[in-house]
Amino acid sequence: LQYDIVSVIEKPAEIKLSEKEIRSLAAYAHEHWRAQRKDLGWKYGELYNQQQKIDPRIASWENLNENWKQQISGMVEKWPAVLAAAHFKVEYLTCR
């Protein structure tokens, strides 16, 4: 998305991500989480079962339940505030 995260001394102002950026980051975050879970042996299934490592959230982003998409998007939307509170500035990279 052409952003960089930089540690700063003073707490920076938090940026606001666009809806398009939130959707893109949410899809990326989900696919990253999904790959990690699959590497641990989890598989897709209709009902969650921890013992059998079955989880309906392992669906691809395109096939993911809309409620899960909204939850992930809500989490991503908070990232700039969390980073700012930890003294990280989110800067847009400009092409030179």
C-alpha atoms as a PDB file:
ATOM      1  CA  LEU A   1       0.000   0.000   0.000  1.00  0.00           C
ATOM      2  CA  GLN A   2       3.060   2.235  -0.119  1.00  0.00           C
ATOM      3  CA  TYR A   3       3.270   2.979   3.597  1.00  0.00           C
ATOM      4  CA  ASP A   4       6.236   2.827   5.926  1.00  0.00           C
ATOM      5  CA  ILE A   5       6.197   2.544   9.708  1.00  0.00           C
ATOM      6  CA  VAL A   6       8.762   4.663  11.559  1.00  0.00           C
ATOM      7  CA  SER A   7       9.572   4.771  15.275  1.00  0.00           C
ATOM      8  CA  VAL A   8       9.308   8.322  16.673  1.00  0.00           C
ATOM      9  CA  ILE A   9       9.933   9.919  20.072  1.00  0.00           C
ATOM     10  CA  GLU A  10       6.691  11.859  20.396  1.00  0.00           C
ATOM     11  CA  LYS A  11       3.302  10.265  19.863  1.00  0.00           C
ATOM     12  CA  PRO A  12       2.313  11.008  16.248  1.00  0.00           C
ATOM     13  CA  ALA A  13      -1.106  11.838  14.924  1.00  0.00           C
ATOM     14  CA  GLU A  14      -2.837   8.728  13.688  1.00  0.00           C
ATOM     15  CA  ILE A  15      -3.743   8.430  10.043  1.00  0.00           C
ATOM     16  CA  LYS A  16      -7.115   7.305   8.730  1.00  0.00           C
ATOM     17  CA  LEU A  17      -7.066   4.477   6.231  1.00  0.00           C
ATOM     18  CA  SER A  18      -9.465   4.551   3.305  1.00  0.00           C
ATOM     19  CA  GLU A  19     -12.089   1.817   2.949  1.00  0.00           C
ATOM     20  CA  LYS A  20     -10.123   0.410   0.012  1.00  0.00           C
ATOM     21  CA  GLU A  21      -6.928   0.280   2.098  1.00  0.00           C
ATOM     22  CA  ILE A  22      -8.766  -1.359   4.994  1.00  0.00           C
ATOM     23  CA  ARG A  23     -10.250  -4.033   2.698  1.00  0.00           C
ATOM     24  CA  SER A  24      -6.869  -4.697   1.090  1.00  0.00           C
ATOM     25  CA  LEU A  25      -5.045  -4.980   4.427  1.00  0.00           C
ATOM     26  CA  ALA A  26      -7.825  -7.118   5.918  1.00  0.00           C
ATOM     27  CA  ALA A  27      -7.656  -9.558   3.006  1.00  0.00           C
ATOM     28  CA  TYR A  28      -3.864  -9.716   3.307  1.00  0.00           C
ATOM     29  CA  ALA A  29      -4.001 -10.226   7.088  1.00  0.00           C
ATOM     30  CA  HIS A  30      -6.569 -12.998   6.721  1.00  0.00           C
ATOM     31  CA  GLU A  31      -4.626 -14.820   4.016  1.00  0.00           C
ATOM     32  CA  HIS A  32      -1.452 -14.581   6.130  1.00  0.00           C
ATOM     33  CA  TRP A  33      -3.298 -15.969   9.183  1.00  0.00           C
ATOM     34  CA  ARG A  34      -4.897 -18.654   7.010  1.00  0.00           C
ATOM     35  CA  ALA A  35      -1.506 -19.814   5.676  1.00  0.00           C
ATOM     36  CA  GLN A  36      -0.098 -20.004   9.214  1.00  0.00           C
ATOM     37  CA  ARG A  37      -3.042 -22.080  10.403  1.00  0.00           C
ATOM     38  CA  LYS A  38      -2.770 -24.430   7.430  1.00  0.00           C
ATOM     39  CA  ASP A  39       0.942 -24.897   8.160  1.00  0.00           C
ATOM     40  CA  LEU A  40      -0.102 -26.000  11.654  1.00  0.00           C
ATOM     41  CA  GLY A  41      -2.409 -28.650  10.190  1.00  0.00           C
ATOM     42  CA  TRP A  42      -5.748 -26.841  10.384  1.00  0.00           C
ATOM     43  CA  LYS A  43      -8.345 -27.501   7.681  1.00  0.00           C
ATOM     44  CA  TYR A  44     -11.592 -25.924   6.558  1.00  0.00           C
ATOM     45  CA  GLY A  45     -14.822 -27.327   7.963  1.00  0.00           C
ATOM     46  CA  GLU A  46     -18.365 -26.110   8.587  1.00  0.00           C
ATOM     47  CA  LEU A  47     -18.041 -26.331  12.386  1.00  0.00           C
ATOM     48  CA  TYR A  48     -15.080 -25.331  14.545  1.00  0.00           C
ATOM     49  CA  ASN A  49     -13.376 -28.284  16.260  1.00  0.00           C
ATOM     50  CA  GLN A  50     -10.117 -27.599  18.075  1.00  0.00           C
ATOM     51  CA  GLN A  51      -9.218 -31.265  18.598  1.00  0.00           C
ATOM     52  CA  GLN A  52      -9.641 -32.095  14.908  1.00  0.00           C
ATOM     53  CA  LYS A  53      -8.145 -28.746  13.829  1.00  0.00           C
ATOM     54  CA  ILE A  54     -11.185 -27.760  11.783  1.00  0.00           C
ATOM     55  CA  ASP A  55     -12.144 -24.104  11.410  1.00  0.00           C
ATOM     56  CA  PRO A  56     -14.714 -22.413   9.121  1.00  0.00           C
ATOM     57  CA  ARG A  57     -12.570 -19.252   9.120  1.00  0.00           C
ATOM     58  CA  ILE A  58      -9.898 -21.036   7.057  1.00  0.00           C
ATOM     59  CA  ALA A  59     -11.946 -20.223   3.955  1.00  0.00           C
ATOM     60  CA  SER A  60     -10.289 -17.935   1.419  1.00  0.00           C
ATOM     61  CA  TRP A  61     -11.066 -14.227   1.781  1.00  0.00           C
ATOM     62  CA  GLU A  62     -13.463 -14.413  -1.172  1.00  0.00           C
ATOM     63  CA  ASN A  63     -15.429 -17.238   0.489  1.00  0.00           C
ATOM     64  CA  LEU A  64     -15.178 -15.958   4.048  1.00  0.00           C
ATOM     65  CA  ASN A  65     -18.348 -15.209   6.005  1.00  0.00           C
ATOM     66  CA  GLU A  66     -19.224 -11.494   5.817  1.00  0.00           C
ATOM     67  CA  ASN A  67     -19.287 -11.197   9.623  1.00  0.00           C
ATOM     68  CA  TRP A  68     -15.675 -12.424   9.813  1.00  0.00           C
ATOM     69  CA  LYS A  69     -14.654 -10.002   7.074  1.00  0.00           C
ATOM     70  CA  GLN A  70     -16.184  -7.141   9.066  1.00  0.00           C
ATOM     71  CA  GLN A  71     -14.417  -8.233  12.260  1.00  0.00           C
ATOM     72  CA  ILE A  72     -11.043  -8.412  10.515  1.00  0.00           C
ATOM     73  CA  SER A  73     -11.646  -5.054   8.806  1.00  0.00           C
ATOM     74  CA  GLY A  74     -12.558  -3.505  12.164  1.00  0.00           C
ATOM     75  CA  MET A  75      -9.305  -4.775  13.646  1.00  0.00           C
ATOM     76  CA  VAL A  76      -7.274  -3.426  10.715  1.00  0.00           C
ATOM     77  CA  GLU A  77      -8.984  -0.047  10.977  1.00  0.00           C
ATOM     78  CA  LYS A  78      -7.558   0.263  14.525  1.00  0.00           C
ATOM     79  CA  TRP A  79      -3.955  -0.449  13.500  1.00  0.00           C
ATOM     80  CA  PRO A  80      -2.977   3.236  12.953  1.00  0.00           C
ATOM     81  CA  ALA A  81      -4.232   4.176  16.454  1.00  0.00           C
ATOM     82  CA  VAL A  82      -2.405   1.248  18.058  1.00  0.00           C
ATOM     83  CA  LEU A  83       0.807   2.114  16.208  1.00  0.00           C
ATOM     84  CA  ALA A  84       0.518   5.814  17.130  1.00  0.00           C
ATOM     85  CA  ALA A  85       0.007   4.919  20.813  1.00  0.00           C
ATOM     86  CA  ALA A  86       3.226   2.878  20.624  1.00  0.00           C
ATOM     87  CA  HIS A  87       5.070   5.854  19.044  1.00  0.00           C
ATOM     88  CA  PHE A  88       5.129   4.560  15.500  1.00  0.00           C
ATOM     89  CA  LYS A  89       4.290   6.927  12.676  1.00  0.00           C
ATOM     90  CA  VAL A  90       2.655   5.598   9.526  1.00  0.00           C
ATOM     91  CA  GLU A  91       3.987   7.527   6.540  1.00  0.00           C
ATOM     92  CA  TYR A  92       2.886   7.374   2.936  1.00  0.00           C
ATOM     93  CA  LEU A  93       5.802   6.667   0.613  1.00  0.00           C
ATOM     94  CA  THR A  94       6.034   8.946  -2.377  1.00  0.00           C
ATOM     95  CA  CYS A  95       7.781   7.844  -5.537  1.00  0.00           C
ATOM     96  CA  ARG A  96      10.808   9.943  -6.378  1.00  0.00           C
END
